């Protein structure tokens, strides 16, 4: 299988923010990410051991959350446009979301998220 999956909750809450978030488990799928996707309505990806992303070759903008080991949002970038690069040296994970998700879910810096693996 080329992906693992997880659910993401706001810490201390049972309310589900994101379900079946893809976690690439091969170099190929991590490198490919959402490249080639034209819509991310139901496609969210969590990259572990990753503190930077590039949007080179992407067709759509994304919301980006950089997370610490504990799941704390250390940096958020709403609506990152194609052909851009983003990095956060404090982060150990990167979560890619459909553009507009950060605002819609009320996600803010220093908020803690719980990542519960489905496999």
PDB file of N, CA and C in Angstrom:
ATOM      1  N   UNK A   1       0.851  -1.176   0.000  1.00  0.00           N
ATOM      2  CA  UNK A   1       0.000   0.000   0.000  1.00  0.00           C
ATOM      3  C   UNK A   1       0.895   1.237   0.000  1.00  0.00           C
ATOM      4  N   UNK A   2       0.533   2.228  -0.752  1.00  0.00           N
ATOM      5  CA  UNK A   2       1.377   3.407  -0.885  1.00  0.00           C
ATOM      6  C   UNK A   2       1.039   4.510   0.116  1.00  0.00           C
ATOM      7  N   UNK A   3      -0.056   4.363   0.860  1.00  0.00           N
ATOM      8  CA  UNK A   3      -0.434   5.367   1.844  1.00  0.00           C
ATOM      9  C   UNK A   3      -0.902   4.709   3.126  1.00  0.00           C
ATOM     10  N   UNK A   4      -0.622   5.373   4.245  1.00  0.00           N
ATOM     11  CA  UNK A   4      -1.284   5.097   5.505  1.00  0.00           C
ATOM     12  C   UNK A   4      -2.333   6.199   5.638  1.00  0.00           C
ATOM     13  N   UNK A   5      -3.202   6.070   6.633  1.00  0.00           N
ATOM     14  CA  UNK A   5      -4.254   7.070   6.817  1.00  0.00           C
ATOM     15  C   UNK A   5      -4.379   7.440   8.287  1.00  0.00           C
ATOM     16  N   UNK A   6      -4.849   8.671   8.528  1.00  0.00           N
ATOM     17  CA  UNK A   6      -5.084   9.100   9.901  1.00  0.00           C
ATOM     18  C   UNK A   6      -6.299  10.011   9.945  1.00  0.00           C
ATOM     19  N   UNK A   7      -6.818  10.165  11.160  1.00  0.00           N
ATOM     20  CA  UNK A   7      -7.866  11.135  11.435  1.00  0.00           C
ATOM     21  C   UNK A   7      -7.244  12.224  12.292  1.00  0.00           C
ATOM     22  N   UNK A   8      -7.709  13.442  12.143  1.00  0.00           N
ATOM     23  CA  UNK A   8      -7.159  14.559  12.905  1.00  0.00           C
ATOM     24  C   UNK A   8      -8.284  15.250  13.666  1.00  0.00           C
ATOM     25  N   UNK A   9      -8.043  15.397  14.982  1.00  0.00           N
ATOM     26  CA  UNK A   9      -8.982  16.051  15.892  1.00  0.00           C
ATOM     27  C   UNK A   9      -8.309  17.274  16.495  1.00  0.00           C
ATOM     28  N   UNK A  10      -9.109  18.221  16.934  1.00  0.00           N
ATOM     29  CA  UNK A  10      -8.596  19.320  17.750  1.00  0.00           C
ATOM     30  C   UNK A  10      -8.330  18.722  19.126  1.00  0.00           C
ATOM     31  N   UNK A  11      -7.171  18.993  19.704  1.00  0.00           N
ATOM     32  CA  UNK A  11      -6.800  18.411  20.992  1.00  0.00           C
ATOM     33  C   UNK A  11      -7.853  18.726  22.056  1.00  0.00           C
ATOM     34  N   UNK A  12      -8.208  17.706  22.825  1.00  0.00           N
ATOM     35  CA  UNK A  12      -9.196  17.875  23.887  1.00  0.00           C
ATOM     36  C   UNK A  12     -10.623  17.864  23.402  1.00  0.00           C
ATOM     37  N   UNK A  13     -10.827  17.563  22.134  1.00  0.00           N
ATOM     38  CA  UNK A  13     -12.171  17.556  21.564  1.00  0.00           C
ATOM     39  C   UNK A  13     -12.382  16.245  20.808  1.00  0.00           C
ATOM     40  N   UNK A  14     -13.586  15.765  20.862  1.00  0.00           N
ATOM     41  CA  UNK A  14     -13.919  14.559  20.100  1.00  0.00           C
ATOM     42  C   UNK A  14     -14.349  14.899  18.675  1.00  0.00           C
ATOM     43  N   UNK A  15     -14.500  16.194  18.383  1.00  0.00           N
ATOM     44  CA  UNK A  15     -14.954  16.572  17.045  1.00  0.00           C
ATOM     45  C   UNK A  15     -13.857  16.308  16.019  1.00  0.00           C
ATOM     46  N   UNK A  16     -14.230  15.641  14.980  1.00  0.00           N
ATOM     47  CA  UNK A  16     -13.318  15.258  13.916  1.00  0.00           C
ATOM     48  C   UNK A  16     -13.136  16.428  12.958  1.00  0.00           C
ATOM     49  N   UNK A  17     -11.867  16.855  12.770  1.00  0.00           N
ATOM     50  CA  UNK A  17     -11.575  17.916  11.804  1.00  0.00           C
ATOM     51  C   UNK A  17     -11.400  17.327  10.410  1.00  0.00           C
ATOM     52  N   UNK A  18     -10.593  16.281  10.314  1.00  0.00           N
ATOM     53  CA  UNK A  18     -10.274  15.662   9.024  1.00  0.00           C
ATOM     54  C   UNK A  18     -10.260  14.147   9.176  1.00  0.00           C
ATOM     55  N   UNK A  19     -10.858  13.462   8.241  1.00  0.00           N
ATOM     56  CA  UNK A  19     -10.838  12.001   8.280  1.00  0.00           C
ATOM     57  C   UNK A  19     -10.102  11.455   7.062  1.00  0.00           C
ATOM     58  N   UNK A  20      -9.507  10.309   7.255  1.00  0.00           N
ATOM     59  CA  UNK A  20      -8.809   9.585   6.184  1.00  0.00           C
ATOM     60  C   UNK A  20      -7.784  10.464   5.458  1.00  0.00           C
ATOM     61  N   UNK A  21      -6.990  11.180   6.242  1.00  0.00           N
ATOM     62  CA  UNK A  21      -5.905  11.994   5.694  1.00  0.00           C
ATOM     63  C   UNK A  21      -4.813  11.039   5.214  1.00  0.00           C
ATOM     64  N   UNK A  22      -4.351  11.231   4.001  1.00  0.00           N
ATOM     65  CA  UNK A  22      -3.323  10.345   3.440  1.00  0.00           C
ATOM     66  C   UNK A  22      -1.949  10.691   4.001  1.00  0.00           C
ATOM     67  N   UNK A  23      -1.191   9.644   4.345  1.00  0.00           N
ATOM     68  CA  UNK A  23       0.208   9.776   4.772  1.00  0.00           C
ATOM     69  C   UNK A  23       1.031   8.933   3.805  1.00  0.00           C
ATOM     70  N   UNK A  24       1.796   9.553   2.926  1.00  0.00           N
ATOM     71  CA  UNK A  24       2.588   8.756   1.978  1.00  0.00           C
ATOM     72  C   UNK A  24       3.642   7.938   2.716  1.00  0.00           C
ATOM     73  N   UNK A  25       3.784   6.661   2.318  1.00  0.00           N
ATOM     74  CA  UNK A  25       4.763   5.815   2.990  1.00  0.00           C
ATOM     75  C   UNK A  25       5.837   5.284   2.039  1.00  0.00           C
ATOM     76  N   UNK A  26       5.995   5.961   0.912  1.00  0.00           N
ATOM     77  CA  UNK A  26       7.095   5.623   0.004  1.00  0.00           C
ATOM     78  C   UNK A  26       7.715   6.923  -0.495  1.00  0.00           C
ATOM     79  N   UNK A  27       8.967   6.851  -0.877  1.00  0.00           N
ATOM     80  CA  UNK A  27       9.649   8.038  -1.384  1.00  0.00           C
ATOM     81  C   UNK A  27       8.898   8.612  -2.585  1.00  0.00           C
ATOM     82  N   UNK A  28       8.457   7.749  -3.485  1.00  0.00           N
ATOM     83  CA  UNK A  28       7.745   8.202  -4.684  1.00  0.00           C
ATOM     84  C   UNK A  28       6.490   8.991  -4.325  1.00  0.00           C
ATOM     85  N   UNK A  29       5.660   8.435  -3.446  1.00  0.00           N
ATOM     86  CA  UNK A  29       4.400   9.094  -3.114  1.00  0.00           C
ATOM     87  C   UNK A  29       4.617  10.355  -2.276  1.00  0.00           C
ATOM     88  N   UNK A  30       5.686  10.368  -1.484  1.00  0.00           N
ATOM     89  CA  UNK A  30       6.011  11.585  -0.745  1.00  0.00           C
ATOM     90  C   UNK A  30       6.470  12.677  -1.712  1.00  0.00           C
ATOM     91  N   UNK A  31       7.294  12.312  -2.688  1.00  0.00           N
ATOM     92  CA  UNK A  31       7.786  13.292  -3.668  1.00  0.00           C
ATOM     93  C   UNK A  31       6.654  13.792  -4.567  1.00  0.00           C
ATOM     94  N   UNK A  32       5.735  12.903  -4.934  1.00  0.00           N
ATOM     95  CA  UNK A  32       4.635  13.287  -5.816  1.00  0.00           C
ATOM     96  C   UNK A  32       3.607  14.145  -5.094  1.00  0.00           C
ATOM     97  N   UNK A  33       3.299  13.792  -3.858  1.00  0.00           N
ATOM     98  CA  UNK A  33       2.304  14.560  -3.095  1.00  0.00           C
ATOM     99  C   UNK A  33       1.015  14.717  -3.859  1.00  0.00           C
ATOM    100  N   UNK A  34       0.553  15.936  -3.999  1.00  0.00           N
ATOM    101  CA  UNK A  34      -0.695  16.222  -4.723  1.00  0.00           C
ATOM    102  C   UNK A  34      -0.430  16.730  -6.132  1.00  0.00           C
ATOM    103  N   UNK A  35       0.789  16.551  -6.606  1.00  0.00           N
ATOM    104  CA  UNK A  35       1.147  16.992  -7.946  1.00  0.00           C
ATOM    105  C   UNK A  35       0.218  16.363  -8.978  1.00  0.00           C
ATOM    106  N   UNK A  36      -0.321  17.189  -9.833  1.00  0.00           N
ATOM    107  CA  UNK A  36      -1.226  16.711 -10.879  1.00  0.00           C
ATOM    108  C   UNK A  36      -2.693  16.787 -10.495  1.00  0.00           C
ATOM    109  N   UNK A  37      -2.973  16.972  -9.205  1.00  0.00           N
ATOM    110  CA  UNK A  37      -4.374  17.081  -8.770  1.00  0.00           C
ATOM    111  C   UNK A  37      -4.945  18.408  -9.242  1.00  0.00           C
ATOM    112  N   UNK A  38      -6.174  18.383  -9.681  1.00  0.00           N
ATOM    113  CA  UNK A  38      -6.833  19.612 -10.104  1.00  0.00           C
ATOM    114  C   UNK A  38      -7.848  20.084  -9.062  1.00  0.00           C
ATOM    115  N   UNK A  39      -8.127  19.228  -8.094  1.00  0.00           N
ATOM    116  CA  UNK A  39      -9.079  19.569  -7.040  1.00  0.00           C
ATOM    117  C   UNK A  39      -8.669  18.828  -5.776  1.00  0.00           C
ATOM    118  N   UNK A  40      -8.730  19.495  -4.637  1.00  0.00           N
ATOM    119  CA  UNK A  40      -8.354  18.842  -3.380  1.00  0.00           C
ATOM    120  C   UNK A  40      -9.522  18.815  -2.399  1.00  0.00           C
ATOM    121  N   UNK A  41     -10.711  18.826  -2.906  1.00  0.00           N
ATOM    122  CA  UNK A  41     -11.888  18.851  -2.048  1.00  0.00           C
ATOM    123  C   UNK A  41     -11.843  17.747  -0.996  1.00  0.00           C
ATOM    124  N   UNK A  42     -11.446  16.550  -1.365  1.00  0.00           N
ATOM    125  CA  UNK A  42     -11.405  15.425  -0.429  1.00  0.00           C
ATOM    126  C   UNK A  42      -9.991  14.881  -0.280  1.00  0.00           C
ATOM    127  N   UNK A  43      -9.001  15.658  -0.614  1.00  0.00           N
ATOM    128  CA  UNK A  43      -7.631  15.167  -0.577  1.00  0.00           C
ATOM    129  C   UNK A  43      -6.798  16.018   0.366  1.00  0.00           C
ATOM    130  N   UNK A  44      -6.444  15.440   1.498  1.00  0.00           N
ATOM    131  CA  UNK A  44      -5.555  16.084   2.457  1.00  0.00           C
ATOM    132  C   UNK A  44      -4.384  15.141   2.663  1.00  0.00           C
ATOM    133  N   UNK A  45      -3.191  15.705   2.834  1.00  0.00           N
ATOM    134  CA  UNK A  45      -2.005  14.861   3.009  1.00  0.00           C
ATOM    135  C   UNK A  45      -1.170  15.349   4.182  1.00  0.00           C
ATOM    136  N   UNK A  46      -0.673  14.391   4.960  1.00  0.00           N
ATOM    137  CA  UNK A  46       0.225  14.670   6.068  1.00  0.00           C
ATOM    138  C   UNK A  46       1.586  14.081   5.725  1.00  0.00           C
ATOM    139  N   UNK A  47       2.608  14.919   5.749  1.00  0.00           N
ATOM    140  CA  UNK A  47       3.972  14.486   5.472  1.00  0.00           C
ATOM    141  C   UNK A  47       4.743  14.487   6.787  1.00  0.00           C
ATOM    142  N   UNK A  48       5.139  13.312   7.246  1.00  0.00           N
ATOM    143  CA  UNK A  48       5.927  13.212   8.472  1.00  0.00           C
ATOM    144  C   UNK A  48       7.389  13.470   8.134  1.00  0.00           C
ATOM    145  N   UNK A  49       8.149  13.889   9.131  1.00  0.00           N
ATOM    146  CA  UNK A  49       9.567  14.207   8.961  1.00  0.00           C
ATOM    147  C   UNK A  49       9.763  15.156   7.776  1.00  0.00           C
ATOM    148  N   UNK A  50       8.960  16.214   7.761  1.00  0.00           N
ATOM    149  CA  UNK A  50       8.975  17.151   6.644  1.00  0.00           C
ATOM    150  C   UNK A  50       8.709  18.558   7.172  1.00  0.00           C
ATOM    151  N   UNK A  51       9.635  19.477   6.900  1.00  0.00           N
ATOM    152  CA  UNK A  51       9.445  20.854   7.347  1.00  0.00           C
ATOM    153  C   UNK A  51       9.436  21.848   6.185  1.00  0.00           C
ATOM    154  N   UNK A  52       9.271  21.334   4.965  1.00  0.00           N
ATOM    155  CA  UNK A  52       9.206  22.233   3.809  1.00  0.00           C
ATOM    156  C   UNK A  52       8.412  21.567   2.689  1.00  0.00           C
ATOM    157  N   UNK A  53       7.844  22.393   1.853  1.00  0.00           N
ATOM    158  CA  UNK A  53       7.120  21.878   0.690  1.00  0.00           C
ATOM    159  C   UNK A  53       7.365  22.807  -0.489  1.00  0.00           C
ATOM    160  N   UNK A  54       7.142  22.261  -1.664  1.00  0.00           N
ATOM    161  CA  UNK A  54       7.201  23.108  -2.857  1.00  0.00           C
ATOM    162  C   UNK A  54       5.918  22.910  -3.632  1.00  0.00           C
ATOM    163  N   UNK A  55       5.547  23.925  -4.350  1.00  0.00           N
ATOM    164  CA  UNK A  55       4.333  23.896  -5.163  1.00  0.00           C
ATOM    165  C   UNK A  55       4.683  23.913  -6.649  1.00  0.00           C
ATOM    166  N   UNK A  56       5.907  23.545  -6.965  1.00  0.00           N
ATOM    167  CA  UNK A  56       6.359  23.542  -8.358  1.00  0.00           C
ATOM    168  C   UNK A  56       5.584  22.477  -9.131  1.00  0.00           C
ATOM    169  N   UNK A  57       4.947  22.916 -10.191  1.00  0.00           N
ATOM    170  CA  UNK A  57       4.149  22.010 -11.014  1.00  0.00           C
ATOM    171  C   UNK A  57       2.707  21.849 -10.558  1.00  0.00           C
ATOM    172  N   UNK A  58       2.350  22.423  -9.412  1.00  0.00           N
ATOM    173  CA  UNK A  58       0.984  22.302  -8.917  1.00  0.00           C
ATOM    174  C   UNK A  58       0.036  23.149  -9.768  1.00  0.00           C
ATOM    175  N   UNK A  59      -1.216  22.750  -9.791  1.00  0.00           N
ATOM    176  CA  UNK A  59      -2.224  23.447 -10.577  1.00  0.00           C
ATOM    177  C   UNK A  59      -3.178  24.264  -9.704  1.00  0.00           C
ATOM    178  N   UNK A  60      -3.187  23.969  -8.406  1.00  0.00           N
ATOM    179  CA  UNK A  60      -4.137  24.611  -7.502  1.00  0.00           C
ATOM    180  C   UNK A  60      -3.420  25.096  -6.242  1.00  0.00           C
ATOM    181  N   UNK A  61      -3.948  26.144  -5.587  1.00  0.00           N
ATOM    182  CA  UNK A  61      -3.366  26.580  -4.311  1.00  0.00           C
ATOM    183  C   UNK A  61      -3.769  25.628  -3.188  1.00  0.00           C
ATOM    184  N   UNK A  62      -3.003  25.636  -2.110  1.00  0.00           N
ATOM    185  CA  UNK A  62      -3.276  24.802  -0.939  1.00  0.00           C
ATOM    186  C   UNK A  62      -3.110  25.623   0.329  1.00  0.00           C
ATOM    187  N   UNK A  63      -3.775  25.200   1.392  1.00  0.00           N
ATOM    188  CA  UNK A  63      -3.486  25.704   2.732  1.00  0.00           C
ATOM    189  C   UNK A  63      -2.452  24.765   3.336  1.00  0.00           C
ATOM    190  N   UNK A  64      -1.451  25.321   4.014  1.00  0.00           N
ATOM    191  CA  UNK A  64      -0.362  24.540   4.575  1.00  0.00           C
ATOM    192  C   UNK A  64      -0.286  24.772   6.076  1.00  0.00           C
ATOM    193  N   UNK A  65      -0.189  23.676   6.842  1.00  0.00           N
ATOM    194  CA  UNK A  65       0.059  23.756   8.277  1.00  0.00           C
ATOM    195  C   UNK A  65       1.371  23.048   8.560  1.00  0.00           C
ATOM    196  N   UNK A  66       2.259  23.733   9.263  1.00  0.00           N
ATOM    197  CA  UNK A  66       3.491  23.115   9.735  1.00  0.00           C
ATOM    198  C   UNK A  66       3.268  22.764  11.203  1.00  0.00           C
ATOM    199  N   UNK A  67       3.555  21.506  11.560  1.00  0.00           N
ATOM    200  CA  UNK A  67       3.273  21.000  12.901  1.00  0.00           C
ATOM    201  C   UNK A  67       4.541  20.537  13.604  1.00  0.00           C
ATOM    202  N   UNK A  68       4.521  20.621  14.935  1.00  0.00           N
ATOM    203  CA  UNK A  68       5.606  20.088  15.750  1.00  0.00           C
ATOM    204  C   UNK A  68       5.378  18.586  15.960  1.00  0.00           C
ATOM    205  N   UNK A  69       6.321  17.918  16.616  1.00  0.00           N
ATOM    206  CA  UNK A  69       6.165  16.494  16.960  1.00  0.00           C
ATOM    207  C   UNK A  69       4.905  16.245  17.775  1.00  0.00           C
ATOM    208  N   UNK A  70       4.520  17.230  18.587  1.00  0.00           N
ATOM    209  CA  UNK A  70       3.362  17.095  19.467  1.00  0.00           C
ATOM    210  C   UNK A  70       2.058  17.448  18.761  1.00  0.00           C
ATOM    211  N   UNK A  71       2.113  17.854  17.504  1.00  0.00           N
ATOM    212  CA  UNK A  71       0.908  18.218  16.762  1.00  0.00           C
ATOM    213  C   UNK A  71       0.495  19.666  16.909  1.00  0.00           C
ATOM    214  N   UNK A  72       1.382  20.497  17.463  1.00  0.00           N
ATOM    215  CA  UNK A  72       1.075  21.925  17.624  1.00  0.00           C
ATOM    216  C   UNK A  72       1.346  22.649  16.305  1.00  0.00           C
ATOM    217  N   UNK A  73       0.416  23.491  15.908  1.00  0.00           N
ATOM    218  CA  UNK A  73       0.587  24.284  14.688  1.00  0.00           C
ATOM    219  C   UNK A  73       1.635  25.362  14.971  1.00  0.00           C
ATOM    220  N   UNK A  74       2.781  25.254  14.317  1.00  0.00           N
ATOM    221  CA  UNK A  74       3.841  26.243  14.525  1.00  0.00           C
ATOM    222  C   UNK A  74       3.842  27.321  13.446  1.00  0.00           C
ATOM    223  N   UNK A  75       3.211  27.027  12.327  1.00  0.00           N
ATOM    224  CA  UNK A  75       3.104  28.025  11.255  1.00  0.00           C
ATOM    225  C   UNK A  75       1.970  27.600  10.325  1.00  0.00           C
ATOM    226  N   UNK A  76       1.209  28.572   9.835  1.00  0.00           N
ATOM    227  CA  UNK A  76       0.164  28.271   8.858  1.00  0.00           C
ATOM    228  C   UNK A  76       0.316  29.214   7.671  1.00  0.00           C
ATOM    229  N   UNK A  77       0.064  28.680   6.508  1.00  0.00           N
ATOM    230  CA  UNK A  77       0.126  29.475   5.284  1.00  0.00           C
ATOM    231  C   UNK A  77      -1.163  29.208   4.501  1.00  0.00           C
ATOM    232  N   UNK A  78      -2.107  30.135   4.571  1.00  0.00           N
ATOM    233  CA  UNK A  78      -3.331  29.959   3.790  1.00  0.00           C
ATOM    234  C   UNK A  78      -3.103  30.292   2.318  1.00  0.00           C
ATOM    235  N   UNK A  79      -3.734  29.516   1.471  1.00  0.00           N
ATOM    236  CA  UNK A  79      -3.783  29.803   0.036  1.00  0.00           C
ATOM    237  C   UNK A  79      -2.400  29.952  -0.619  1.00  0.00           C
ATOM    238  N   UNK A  80      -1.501  29.015  -0.336  1.00  0.00           N
ATOM    239  CA  UNK A  80      -0.178  29.040  -0.979  1.00  0.00           C
ATOM    240  C   UNK A  80      -0.353  28.710  -2.458  1.00  0.00           C
ATOM    241  N   UNK A  81       0.116  29.594  -3.289  1.00  0.00           N
ATOM    242  CA  UNK A  81      -0.091  29.501  -4.736  1.00  0.00           C
ATOM    243  C   UNK A  81       0.905  28.541  -5.402  1.00  0.00           C
ATOM    244  N   UNK A  82       0.525  27.983  -6.561  1.00  0.00           N
ATOM    245  CA  UNK A  82       1.458  27.146  -7.322  1.00  0.00           C
ATOM    246  C   UNK A  82       2.762  27.884  -7.609  1.00  0.00           C
ATOM    247  N   UNK A  83       3.818  27.106  -7.727  1.00  0.00           N
ATOM    248  CA  UNK A  83       5.163  27.585  -8.050  1.00  0.00           C
ATOM    249  C   UNK A  83       5.800  28.369  -6.898  1.00  0.00           C
ATOM    250  N   UNK A  84       5.368  28.102  -5.666  1.00  0.00           N
ATOM    251  CA  UNK A  84       5.950  28.725  -4.484  1.00  0.00           C
ATOM    252  C   UNK A  84       6.590  27.640  -3.609  1.00  0.00           C
ATOM    253  N   UNK A  85       7.420  28.076  -2.667  1.00  0.00           N
ATOM    254  CA  UNK A  85       8.087  27.182  -1.726  1.00  0.00           C
ATOM    255  C   UNK A  85       7.809  27.705  -0.322  1.00  0.00           C
ATOM    256  N   UNK A  86       7.648  26.795   0.646  1.00  0.00           N
ATOM    257  CA  UNK A  86       7.440  27.201   2.036  1.00  0.00           C
ATOM    258  C   UNK A  86       8.265  26.301   2.937  1.00  0.00           C
ATOM    259  N   UNK A  87       8.799  26.890   4.023  1.00  0.00           N
ATOM    260  CA  UNK A  87       9.631  26.145   4.961  1.00  0.00           C
ATOM    261  C   UNK A  87       9.381  26.656   6.375  1.00  0.00           C
ATOM    262  N   UNK A  88       9.528  25.766   7.348  1.00  0.00           N
ATOM    263  CA  UNK A  88       9.422  26.128   8.758  1.00  0.00           C
ATOM    264  C   UNK A  88      10.387  25.243   9.530  1.00  0.00           C
ATOM    265  N   UNK A  89      11.482  25.823   9.989  1.00  0.00           N
ATOM    266  CA  UNK A  89      12.529  25.048  10.644  1.00  0.00           C
ATOM    267  C   UNK A  89      12.077  24.430  11.966  1.00  0.00           C
ATOM    268  N   UNK A  90      11.042  24.977  12.601  1.00  0.00           N
ATOM    269  CA  UNK A  90      10.540  24.437  13.873  1.00  0.00           C
ATOM    270  C   UNK A  90       9.644  23.211  13.669  1.00  0.00           C
ATOM    271  N   UNK A  91       9.205  22.983  12.452  1.00  0.00           N
ATOM    272  CA  UNK A  91       8.225  21.926  12.177  1.00  0.00           C
ATOM    273  C   UNK A  91       8.886  20.575  11.938  1.00  0.00           C
ATOM    274  N   UNK A  92       8.134  19.520  12.225  1.00  0.00           N
ATOM    275  CA  UNK A  92       8.567  18.155  11.891  1.00  0.00           C
ATOM    276  C   UNK A  92       7.561  17.463  10.975  1.00  0.00           C
ATOM    277  N   UNK A  93       6.394  18.081  10.786  1.00  0.00           N
ATOM    278  CA  UNK A  93       5.363  17.532   9.901  1.00  0.00           C
ATOM    279  C   UNK A  93       4.727  18.671   9.117  1.00  0.00           C
ATOM    280  N   UNK A  94       4.236  18.335   7.928  1.00  0.00           N
ATOM    281  CA  UNK A  94       3.533  19.309   7.099  1.00  0.00           C
ATOM    282  C   UNK A  94       2.195  18.714   6.688  1.00  0.00           C
ATOM    283  N   UNK A  95       1.148  19.491   6.855  1.00  0.00           N
ATOM    284  CA  UNK A  95      -0.199  19.067   6.492  1.00  0.00           C
ATOM    285  C   UNK A  95      -0.691  19.950   5.355  1.00  0.00           C
ATOM    286  N   UNK A  96      -1.022  19.325   4.231  1.00  0.00           N
ATOM    287  CA  UNK A  96      -1.568  20.043   3.075  1.00  0.00           C
ATOM    288  C   UNK A  96      -3.080  19.871   3.064  1.00  0.00           C
ATOM    289  N   UNK A  97      -3.771  21.000   2.921  1.00  0.00           N
ATOM    290  CA  UNK A  97      -5.227  21.019   2.941  1.00  0.00           C
ATOM    291  C   UNK A  97      -5.759  21.782   1.741  1.00  0.00           C
ATOM    292  N   UNK A  98      -7.011  21.552   1.426  1.00  0.00           N
ATOM    293  CA  UNK A  98      -7.668  22.336   0.374  1.00  0.00           C
ATOM    294  C   UNK A  98      -7.641  23.812   0.765  1.00  0.00           C
ATOM    295  N   UNK A  99      -7.433  24.670  -0.199  1.00  0.00           N
ATOM    296  CA  UNK A  99      -7.409  26.111   0.050  1.00  0.00           C
ATOM    297  C   UNK A  99      -8.711  26.543   0.708  1.00  0.00           C
ATOM    298  N   UNK A 100      -8.608  27.337   1.759  1.00  0.00           N
ATOM    299  CA  UNK A 100      -9.780  27.799   2.505  1.00  0.00           C
ATOM    300  C   UNK A 100     -10.052  26.989   3.760  1.00  0.00           C
ATOM    301  N   UNK A 101      -9.375  25.850   3.925  1.00  0.00           N
ATOM    302  CA  UNK A 101      -9.623  24.964   5.067  1.00  0.00           C
ATOM    303  C   UNK A 101      -9.205  25.582   6.396  1.00  0.00           C
ATOM    304  N   UNK A 102      -8.082  26.300   6.415  1.00  0.00           N
ATOM    305  CA  UNK A 102      -7.596  26.897   7.669  1.00  0.00           C
ATOM    306  C   UNK A 102      -8.656  27.828   8.245  1.00  0.00           C
ATOM    307  N   UNK A 103      -9.187  28.695   7.416  1.00  0.00           N
ATOM    308  CA  UNK A 103     -10.210  29.645   7.865  1.00  0.00           C
ATOM    309  C   UNK A 103     -11.505  28.917   8.232  1.00  0.00           C
ATOM    310  N   UNK A 104     -11.933  28.002   7.381  1.00  0.00           N
ATOM    311  CA  UNK A 104     -13.194  27.291   7.592  1.00  0.00           C
ATOM    312  C   UNK A 104     -13.192  26.497   8.897  1.00  0.00           C
ATOM    313  N   UNK A 105     -12.045  25.891   9.249  1.00  0.00           N
ATOM    314  CA  UNK A 105     -11.956  25.081  10.468  1.00  0.00           C
ATOM    315  C   UNK A 105     -11.501  25.893  11.679  1.00  0.00           C
ATOM    316  N   UNK A 106     -11.179  27.171  11.477  1.00  0.00           N
ATOM    317  CA  UNK A 106     -10.752  28.009  12.586  1.00  0.00           C
ATOM    318  C   UNK A 106      -9.413  27.598  13.176  1.00  0.00           C
ATOM    319  N   UNK A 107      -8.495  27.130  12.340  1.00  0.00           N
ATOM    320  CA  UNK A 107      -7.184  26.673  12.807  1.00  0.00           C
ATOM    321  C   UNK A 107      -6.250  27.862  12.988  1.00  0.00           C
ATOM    322  N   UNK A 108      -5.533  27.867  14.101  1.00  0.00           N
ATOM    323  CA  UNK A 108      -4.652  28.989  14.432  1.00  0.00           C
ATOM    324  C   UNK A 108      -3.313  28.482  14.951  1.00  0.00           C
ATOM    325  N   UNK A 109      -2.311  29.353  14.866  1.00  0.00           N
ATOM    326  CA  UNK A 109      -0.991  29.025  15.389  1.00  0.00           C
ATOM    327  C   UNK A 109      -1.100  28.705  16.880  1.00  0.00           C
ATOM    328  N   UNK A 110      -0.287  27.748  17.337  1.00  0.00           N
ATOM    329  CA  UNK A 110      -0.218  27.259  18.719  1.00  0.00           C
ATOM    330  C   UNK A 110      -1.387  26.350  19.106  1.00  0.00           C
ATOM    331  N   UNK A 111      -2.326  26.111  18.202  1.00  0.00           N
ATOM    332  CA  UNK A 111      -3.402  25.166  18.455  1.00  0.00           C
ATOM    333  C   UNK A 111      -2.820  23.758  18.341  1.00  0.00           C
ATOM    334  N   UNK A 112      -3.252  22.860  19.234  1.00  0.00           N
ATOM    335  CA  UNK A 112      -2.747  21.490  19.198  1.00  0.00           C
ATOM    336  C   UNK A 112      -3.757  20.572  18.516  1.00  0.00           C
ATOM    337  N   UNK A 113      -3.244  19.768  17.587  1.00  0.00           N
ATOM    338  CA  UNK A 113      -4.063  18.789  16.881  1.00  0.00           C
ATOM    339  C   UNK A 113      -3.652  17.381  17.316  1.00  0.00           C
ATOM    340  N   UNK A 114      -4.602  16.478  17.359  1.00  0.00           N
ATOM    341  CA  UNK A 114      -4.314  15.075  17.661  1.00  0.00           C
ATOM    342  C   UNK A 114      -4.411  14.278  16.377  1.00  0.00           C
ATOM    343  N   UNK A 115      -3.351  13.544  16.087  1.00  0.00           N
ATOM    344  CA  UNK A 115      -3.278  12.729  14.882  1.00  0.00           C
ATOM    345  C   UNK A 115      -3.437  11.280  15.304  1.00  0.00           C
ATOM    346  N   UNK A 116      -4.518  10.656  14.860  1.00  0.00           N
ATOM    347  CA  UNK A 116      -4.802   9.269  15.235  1.00  0.00           C
ATOM    348  C   UNK A 116      -4.741   8.401  13.989  1.00  0.00           C
ATOM    349  N   UNK A 117      -3.696   7.570  13.934  1.00  0.00           N
ATOM    350  CA  UNK A 117      -3.496   6.722  12.764  1.00  0.00           C
ATOM    351  C   UNK A 117      -4.625   5.702  12.669  1.00  0.00           C
ATOM    352  N   UNK A 118      -5.064   5.447  11.448  1.00  0.00           N
ATOM    353  CA  UNK A 118      -6.183   4.535  11.194  1.00  0.00           C
ATOM    354  C   UNK A 118      -5.722   3.100  10.978  1.00  0.00           C
ATOM    355  N   UNK A 119      -4.459   2.892  10.643  1.00  0.00           N
ATOM    356  CA  UNK A 119      -3.982   1.537  10.315  1.00  0.00           C
ATOM    357  C   UNK A 119      -3.534   0.806  11.539  1.00  0.00           C
TER     358      UNK A 119
END
